[in-house]
Every structure is written in C-alpha cells, then in structure tokens.
Amino acid sequence: MRLRKKLVYWLIGVLVVILLVITGASLYLYHFAFEPTPKVLSHPTAKSKLITARNKSWLAKVPKQHWHEQSATDDLRLVADYVPAAKTTEKTIVVAHGYMDNKEDMAAYIHLFHRLGYNVLAPDDRGAGASQGNYIGFGWPDRLDYLKWTKQVIHRNGQTSEIGLFGVSMGGATVMMLSGQHLPHQVKAIVEDCGYESVSAELSYELKSLYHLPKFPLLYSASIITMIRAHYNFLQASSLTALHHNHLPTFFIHGSADTFVPTRMVYKNYAATKGKKKLWITKGAHHAESLSDYPKQYRQKVGQFFAQNLN
C-alpha cells in the first residue's frame, strides 16, 4: 500500500512537471510568434534592402492621405496610407504587409502599383506600425479588417470602384483568407506572393525547422494561450479552406528557393482555389524576393493580371 502511494505521488509529480514544461513552452511560443517584439527570422538580400530603402524614401514624399478604421473585433484603431493615382481612377489596389512588417515595408509594391496608374491603400495590421494592438493576427482576424478597408474604399471612391487585393508573405495569406469571405462585388482579383497554406502548417514547419520539435502538443496548447490573449483560434486560420470558397481570379507567386514559407505550400493553395488562376514560380528566389530578383517580369505579369481583371 505504501509503495502504491509513492507511485501515485511520483506519477502526479511527473504529470505536474510535464504540464509546467508544456505551459512554459507554450507561453514562450506565444511571446515569440504572436507578440510584436523585435526578431529576425528572414534575411533579405542587400539588393532587396536597397530597393526597399529607395522606395521608402519615395513613399515618405509622395502625396497621400491617412485613413482610419476600427478593427472588426477587439475595438482597435487601425491606420492606413492611401496614395491616390497621379491620374484620377476608380481602380484601387489594397496591399497587405508581411509578418513583423508594416505599410512602409510595402513601399516597393505601393510604388509599383502607383506607376501602373492605381490608387493604393496600404494598412498597418493589428499590432503593426501605427495601428493599435499587442498581438500578430497572422492574417486571420486581419482578414475581417481588410474587408472593412475594402468597404471604406467603396464608400470614399464610389460604388463604381474596382478593387484588387495584393499581399506578400503573411499579407499573401491574409488576402487568401479574405477570399473566403462574402466580398463586395467591387473586389475583382487577388495576387498573393509567398503566402502560407495555414497558420498551423507554417508554425509546425517553423517549430521543426528552428527547434526540431513536433507540433503535438505544443501547437495545441499554444492555441489555448492565443485564444485567451489574442481572442482568436489560429488552428482555424487556413488559406486552403478560404480558397475553396474563392471564385475570384487569383495569381499565385512563390520563390523556388523559399525556406521560410516552403514552396510546396503554393501548390496546395493553387489547387484549392475555385476561380480562374495563374501560377508563377520564380526560379532561385528566396522568401519575398521575387520582385527584387525579377523586377521587370514582376511588373509585367502582375500589371497584366490586374489590367485584365480590373476593367
């Protein structure tokens, strides 16, 4: 009997230790992945950094408006830059930025669309740039915010507006997730660059890549922490599920050498969408480097796609 008691106490002690370790690891994962604290996960090339710096300088000087929106949940004040086209147009591209980035980091893409003759709306997501929030939404709660941004474009620019959605990395996932919502008929087409298939798939990949850890049980315990602190369930955040409901023309772009969001994910995303679609794998390009590696082709292909579908 005494031996049995000792065994029970030992088992309880082991379970408590395991629970504490899992809880601690989950809190660390939330802090590392979901809180907008300084971190370096990807390494842009010198060429890419130079292009971004030059375009940030342009963005700082170009005439623009500052728009505001209330987040769809959590009552946060969001901000965006609206860069009107040089020549009046009803066509607007809404651009979504990447993980740990902000609207200024999209300067090269904003400049690209401005040169193509579009109005451009570039929001700061929750927890990014000048927007409020203390967590990263990975595109899932943000998709509902972008839905509100599209409606604001229509309210300001008129019912005859034509809108294209564009996103890079997390922004690519954001616009794919948005595609599963009931969108205004003024939204005509989507271009996504190197977005992931789902938040859980991306986090599972990073857990294995960075820490050699399996997704169970850490991913599931971390989802509980996220629901408590950020009020959303990232296990539901799926580009694939959303794309099954998408009938808009969609252009998928991904670098063949992407090791941050593995290239294999784009093939799943491409297969999932129900609308007209196009795929471009940029040979040798790393994560979010397709524009800097193939600037002329990027402008031509993306420009042609939006021109064909925003008319």
Protein backbone atom coordinates (compact mmCIF):
# COMPACT_ATOMS: atom_id res chain seq x y z
CA MET A 1 0.00 0.00 0.00
CA ARG A 2 2.80 2.43 0.90
CA LEU A 3 4.60 1.59 -2.35
CA ARG A 4 1.40 2.24 -4.30
CA LYS A 5 1.03 5.67 -2.66
CA LYS A 6 4.59 6.56 -3.53
CA LEU A 7 4.00 5.51 -7.12
CA VAL A 8 0.85 7.64 -7.33
CA TYR A 9 2.67 10.67 -5.90
CA TRP A 10 5.54 10.11 -8.30
CA LEU A 11 3.19 9.92 -11.28
CA ILE A 12 1.40 13.08 -10.13
CA GLY A 13 4.73 14.83 -9.76
CA VAL A 14 5.81 13.78 -13.24
CA LEU A 15 2.50 14.97 -14.73
CA VAL A 16 2.81 18.33 -12.94
CA VAL A 17 6.34 18.78 -14.28
CA ILE A 18 5.22 17.87 -17.81
CA LEU A 19 2.29 20.29 -17.55
CA LEU A 20 4.57 23.08 -16.31
CA VAL A 21 7.05 22.46 -19.13
CA ILE A 22 4.29 22.48 -21.77
CA THR A 23 2.74 25.63 -20.30
CA GLY A 24 6.09 27.40 -20.18
CA ALA A 25 6.95 26.36 -23.71
CA SER A 26 3.50 27.48 -24.94
CA LEU A 27 3.89 30.88 -23.30
CA TYR A 28 7.31 31.23 -24.91
CA LEU A 29 5.89 30.27 -28.32
CA TYR A 30 3.13 32.85 -27.94
CA HIS A 31 5.66 35.50 -26.89
CA PHE A 32 8.00 34.66 -29.74
CA ALA A 33 5.48 34.21 -32.55
CA PHE A 34 2.42 36.29 -31.63
CA GLU A 35 3.76 39.30 -29.76
CA PRO A 36 5.19 42.06 -31.99
CA THR A 37 8.60 42.04 -30.30
CA PRO A 38 11.84 42.57 -32.28
CA LYS A 39 13.01 39.39 -34.00
CA VAL A 40 14.87 38.36 -37.14
CA LEU A 41 13.54 35.29 -38.93
CA SER A 42 14.32 36.02 -42.57
CA HIS A 43 17.34 37.63 -44.14
CA PRO A 44 16.62 39.85 -47.16
CA THR A 45 19.44 40.33 -49.63
CA ALA A 46 21.41 43.56 -49.90
CA LYS A 47 19.68 44.22 -53.23
CA SER A 48 16.26 43.82 -51.65
CA LYS A 49 17.19 46.10 -48.74
CA LEU A 50 18.39 48.79 -51.16
CA ILE A 51 15.18 48.60 -53.21
CA THR A 52 13.09 48.89 -50.04
CA ALA A 53 15.11 51.85 -48.76
CA ARG A 54 14.79 53.73 -52.05
CA ASN A 55 11.06 53.16 -52.21
CA LYS A 56 10.55 54.12 -48.57
CA SER A 57 12.17 57.45 -49.42
CA TRP A 58 9.72 57.82 -52.31
CA LEU A 59 6.75 56.87 -50.10
CA ALA A 60 7.70 59.46 -47.49
CA LYS A 61 7.50 62.22 -50.11
CA VAL A 62 4.57 61.19 -52.30
CA PRO A 63 1.20 62.91 -51.61
CA LYS A 64 -1.01 60.62 -49.54
CA GLN A 65 -3.89 60.53 -47.12
CA HIS A 66 -4.07 58.89 -43.72
CA TRP A 67 -7.16 56.74 -43.32
CA HIS A 68 -8.51 55.17 -40.13
CA GLU A 69 -10.66 52.14 -39.43
CA GLN A 70 -11.98 50.31 -36.38
CA SER A 71 -10.92 46.68 -36.18
CA ALA A 72 -13.64 44.10 -36.78
CA THR A 73 -13.00 42.67 -33.29
CA ASP A 74 -11.21 43.90 -30.14
CA ASP A 75 -12.06 47.59 -30.77
CA LEU A 76 -8.64 48.66 -32.05
CA ARG A 77 -7.82 51.82 -34.02
CA LEU A 78 -6.19 50.92 -37.31
CA VAL A 79 -4.40 53.23 -39.74
CA ALA A 80 -3.55 53.11 -43.43
CA ASP A 81 -1.85 55.22 -46.07
CA TYR A 82 -3.86 55.98 -49.19
CA VAL A 83 -1.79 57.02 -52.17
CA PRO A 84 -4.05 58.36 -54.93
CA ALA A 85 -3.11 57.73 -58.52
CA ALA A 86 -1.47 60.56 -60.46
CA LYS A 87 -4.45 60.46 -62.82
CA THR A 88 -7.94 60.07 -61.34
CA THR A 89 -9.13 56.46 -61.46
CA GLU A 90 -11.74 54.25 -59.80
CA LYS A 91 -9.27 51.37 -59.60
CA THR A 92 -7.57 50.70 -56.26
CA ILE A 93 -5.13 48.04 -55.06
CA VAL A 94 -5.28 47.17 -51.35
CA VAL A 95 -1.90 45.83 -50.21
CA ALA A 96 -1.29 43.63 -47.14
CA HIS A 97 2.14 43.54 -45.49
CA GLY A 98 4.12 40.64 -44.11
CA TYR A 99 4.99 39.27 -40.69
CA MET A 100 6.67 41.85 -38.40
CA ASP A 101 6.43 44.40 -41.23
CA ASN A 102 4.27 47.49 -41.68
CA LYS A 103 2.84 49.57 -44.53
CA GLU A 104 6.17 51.36 -45.11
CA ASP A 105 7.82 48.00 -45.79
CA MET A 106 5.41 47.63 -48.73
CA ALA A 107 6.83 50.78 -50.35
CA ALA A 108 8.26 48.98 -53.40
CA TYR A 109 4.87 47.38 -54.14
CA ILE A 110 2.98 50.63 -53.46
CA HIS A 111 5.32 52.40 -55.89
CA LEU A 112 4.85 49.63 -58.45
CA PHE A 113 1.06 49.97 -58.41
CA HIS A 114 1.26 53.76 -58.36
CA ARG A 115 3.36 53.67 -61.54
CA LEU A 116 0.79 51.34 -63.08
CA GLY A 117 -1.86 54.02 -62.52
CA TYR A 118 -3.73 52.67 -59.50
CA ASN A 119 -4.80 54.20 -56.22
CA VAL A 120 -3.15 52.23 -53.42
CA LEU A 121 -4.39 51.61 -49.89
CA ALA A 122 -1.75 50.21 -47.51
CA PRO A 123 -2.96 49.42 -43.97
CA ASP A 124 -0.96 48.66 -40.85
CA ASP A 125 -2.30 45.40 -39.43
CA ARG A 126 -3.14 44.92 -35.76
CA GLY A 127 0.00 45.25 -33.66
CA ALA A 128 1.96 46.74 -36.57
CA GLY A 129 3.18 50.22 -37.37
CA ALA A 130 0.82 52.94 -36.16
CA SER A 131 -2.15 50.61 -35.59
CA GLN A 132 -3.19 49.54 -32.12
CA GLY A 133 -2.88 46.00 -30.81
CA ASN A 134 -0.43 43.87 -28.88
CA TYR A 135 -0.57 40.70 -30.97
CA ILE A 136 0.02 39.50 -34.51
CA GLY A 137 -3.05 38.13 -36.25
CA PHE A 138 -1.24 36.07 -38.90
CA GLY A 139 -3.95 37.22 -41.31
CA TRP A 140 -6.91 35.58 -39.57
CA PRO A 141 -8.57 38.39 -37.58
CA ASP A 142 -6.94 40.78 -40.06
CA ARG A 143 -8.97 39.37 -42.96
CA LEU A 144 -12.09 40.87 -41.37
CA ASP A 145 -10.30 44.21 -41.00
CA TYR A 146 -9.35 44.17 -44.69
CA LEU A 147 -12.98 43.50 -45.53
CA LYS A 148 -13.79 46.76 -43.74
CA TRP A 149 -10.96 48.54 -45.59
CA THR A 150 -12.42 47.46 -48.96
CA LYS A 151 -15.80 48.83 -47.91
CA GLN A 152 -14.18 52.11 -46.93
CA VAL A 153 -12.60 52.35 -50.39
CA ILE A 154 -16.05 51.91 -51.92
CA HIS A 155 -17.59 54.45 -49.52
CA ARG A 156 -14.93 57.06 -50.34
CA ASN A 157 -14.37 56.38 -54.04
CA GLY A 158 -17.85 55.34 -55.09
CA GLN A 159 -19.92 52.29 -55.99
CA THR A 160 -18.20 52.01 -59.36
CA SER A 161 -14.87 51.32 -57.67
CA GLU A 162 -12.84 48.32 -58.81
CA ILE A 163 -10.54 46.76 -56.22
CA GLY A 164 -7.62 44.37 -56.42
CA LEU A 165 -6.19 42.61 -53.37
CA PHE A 166 -2.44 42.09 -53.06
CA GLY A 167 -0.31 40.63 -50.26
CA VAL A 168 3.20 39.36 -49.57
CA SER A 169 4.09 36.56 -47.10
CA MET A 170 1.66 36.93 -44.17
CA GLY A 171 -0.08 39.50 -46.36
CA GLY A 172 -0.43 36.86 -49.06
CA ALA A 173 -2.09 34.57 -46.54
CA THR A 174 -4.28 37.48 -45.39
CA VAL A 175 -5.74 38.12 -48.84
CA MET A 176 -6.22 34.39 -49.42
CA MET A 177 -8.07 34.09 -46.12
CA LEU A 178 -10.09 37.16 -47.07
CA SER A 179 -11.11 35.42 -50.30
CA GLY A 180 -13.33 33.09 -48.29
CA GLN A 181 -15.48 35.97 -47.03
CA HIS A 182 -18.52 37.44 -48.74
CA LEU A 183 -16.72 40.25 -50.56
CA PRO A 184 -18.23 43.34 -52.17
CA HIS A 185 -18.74 42.83 -55.91
CA GLN A 186 -16.25 45.67 -56.48
CA VAL A 187 -13.40 43.33 -55.44
CA LYS A 188 -12.28 41.83 -58.74
CA ALA A 189 -8.99 39.95 -58.36
CA ILE A 190 -6.27 38.74 -55.99
CA VAL A 191 -2.49 38.50 -56.25
CA GLU A 192 -0.70 36.68 -53.44
CA ASP A 193 3.06 36.38 -53.12
CA CYS A 194 4.56 33.59 -50.95
CA GLY A 195 1.66 33.18 -48.50
CA TYR A 196 1.30 30.06 -46.34
CA GLU A 197 -1.40 27.40 -46.55
CA SER A 198 -2.43 27.81 -42.89
CA VAL A 199 -1.08 29.30 -39.68
CA SER A 200 -0.80 25.88 -38.04
CA ALA A 201 1.13 24.48 -41.03
CA GLU A 202 3.54 27.43 -41.01
CA LEU A 203 4.09 27.29 -37.25
CA SER A 204 4.56 23.50 -37.41
CA TYR A 205 7.17 23.98 -40.12
CA GLU A 206 9.00 26.63 -38.07
CA LEU A 207 8.88 24.51 -34.89
CA LYS A 208 10.55 21.66 -36.74
CA SER A 209 12.95 23.89 -38.67
CA LEU A 210 14.12 26.08 -35.78
CA TYR A 211 13.70 23.84 -32.73
CA HIS A 212 13.31 20.29 -34.11
CA LEU A 213 10.02 19.97 -32.21
CA PRO A 214 6.81 18.20 -33.28
CA LYS A 215 3.56 20.13 -33.43
CA PHE A 216 1.94 17.98 -30.73
CA PRO A 217 1.28 19.01 -28.02
CA LEU A 218 2.87 22.46 -28.18
CA LEU A 219 0.88 23.85 -31.09
CA TYR A 220 -2.41 22.92 -29.45
CA SER A 221 -1.54 24.25 -26.02
CA ALA A 222 -0.26 27.47 -27.62
CA SER A 223 -3.61 27.84 -29.40
CA ILE A 224 -5.30 27.99 -25.99
CA ILE A 225 -2.92 30.76 -24.90
CA THR A 226 -3.66 32.61 -28.13
CA MET A 227 -7.41 32.35 -27.66
CA ILE A 228 -7.07 33.80 -24.16
CA ARG A 229 -4.67 36.61 -25.04
CA ALA A 230 -5.41 37.43 -28.67
CA HIS A 231 -9.02 36.23 -28.87
CA TYR A 232 -8.73 34.07 -31.96
CA ASN A 233 -8.07 30.42 -32.71
CA PHE A 234 -5.14 30.12 -35.11
CA LEU A 235 -5.95 26.43 -35.69
CA GLN A 236 -8.91 27.69 -37.76
CA ALA A 237 -6.75 30.08 -39.79
CA SER A 238 -6.49 28.38 -43.17
CA SER A 239 -5.84 29.82 -46.61
CA LEU A 240 -6.79 26.47 -48.11
CA THR A 241 -10.23 26.43 -46.51
CA ALA A 242 -10.89 30.01 -47.61
CA LEU A 243 -9.71 29.36 -51.17
CA HIS A 244 -12.23 26.52 -51.51
CA HIS A 245 -14.85 29.30 -51.41
CA ASN A 246 -12.97 31.68 -53.71
CA HIS A 247 -14.18 32.29 -57.26
CA LEU A 248 -12.13 35.43 -57.95
CA PRO A 249 -9.23 35.33 -60.43
CA THR A 250 -6.11 34.67 -58.36
CA PHE A 251 -2.42 34.92 -59.24
CA PHE A 252 -0.04 32.88 -57.05
CA ILE A 253 3.67 33.82 -56.89
CA HIS A 254 6.36 31.96 -54.94
CA GLY A 255 10.14 31.70 -54.96
CA SER A 256 11.55 28.26 -55.75
CA ALA A 257 14.22 28.70 -53.03
CA ASP A 258 11.84 29.89 -50.28
CA THR A 259 12.77 28.21 -47.00
CA PHE A 260 10.68 30.47 -44.74
CA VAL A 261 7.31 29.66 -46.29
CA PRO A 262 8.24 26.46 -48.15
CA THR A 263 7.47 26.49 -51.85
CA ARG A 264 5.38 23.33 -51.61
CA MET A 265 2.62 25.35 -49.93
CA VAL A 266 1.85 27.38 -53.05
CA TYR A 267 0.90 24.26 -55.00
CA LYS A 268 -1.72 23.41 -52.37
CA ASN A 269 -3.05 26.95 -52.40
CA TYR A 270 -3.18 26.98 -56.18
CA ALA A 271 -5.07 23.68 -56.27
CA ALA A 272 -7.58 24.83 -53.64
CA THR A 273 -8.99 27.92 -55.36
CA LYS A 274 -12.14 27.59 -57.44
CA GLY A 275 -11.68 30.67 -59.62
CA LYS A 276 -9.53 31.45 -62.66
CA LYS A 277 -5.92 31.09 -61.58
CA LYS A 278 -2.33 31.62 -62.56
CA LEU A 279 0.93 30.37 -61.01
CA TRP A 280 4.45 31.76 -61.29
CA ILE A 281 7.38 30.07 -59.54
CA THR A 282 10.34 32.46 -59.59
CA LYS A 283 13.45 30.37 -60.11
CA GLY A 284 16.05 30.71 -57.34
CA ALA A 285 14.14 33.40 -55.43
CA HIS A 286 14.11 33.26 -51.64
CA HIS A 287 11.27 34.40 -49.41
CA ALA A 288 9.59 37.61 -50.63
CA GLU A 289 12.44 38.21 -53.09
CA SER A 290 10.54 37.68 -56.35
CA LEU A 291 10.12 41.41 -57.02
CA SER A 292 13.79 42.23 -56.36
CA ASP A 293 15.02 39.22 -58.37
CA TYR A 294 12.65 39.67 -61.32
CA PRO A 295 11.59 43.35 -61.30
CA LYS A 296 10.65 43.68 -64.99
CA GLN A 297 8.83 40.36 -65.18
CA TYR A 298 7.09 41.02 -61.88
CA ARG A 299 5.75 44.36 -63.04
CA GLN A 300 4.71 42.95 -66.40
CA LYS A 301 2.98 39.82 -65.04
CA VAL A 302 1.25 41.42 -62.06
CA GLY A 303 0.35 44.52 -64.05
CA GLN A 304 -1.14 42.45 -66.85
CA PHE A 305 -3.13 40.30 -64.43
CA PHE A 306 -4.76 43.27 -62.71
CA ALA A 307 -5.30 45.07 -66.04
CA GLN A 308 -7.17 42.05 -67.38
CA ASN A 309 -9.38 41.67 -64.32
CA LEU A 310 -9.98 45.29 -63.24
CA ASN A 311 -11.77 46.67 -66.26
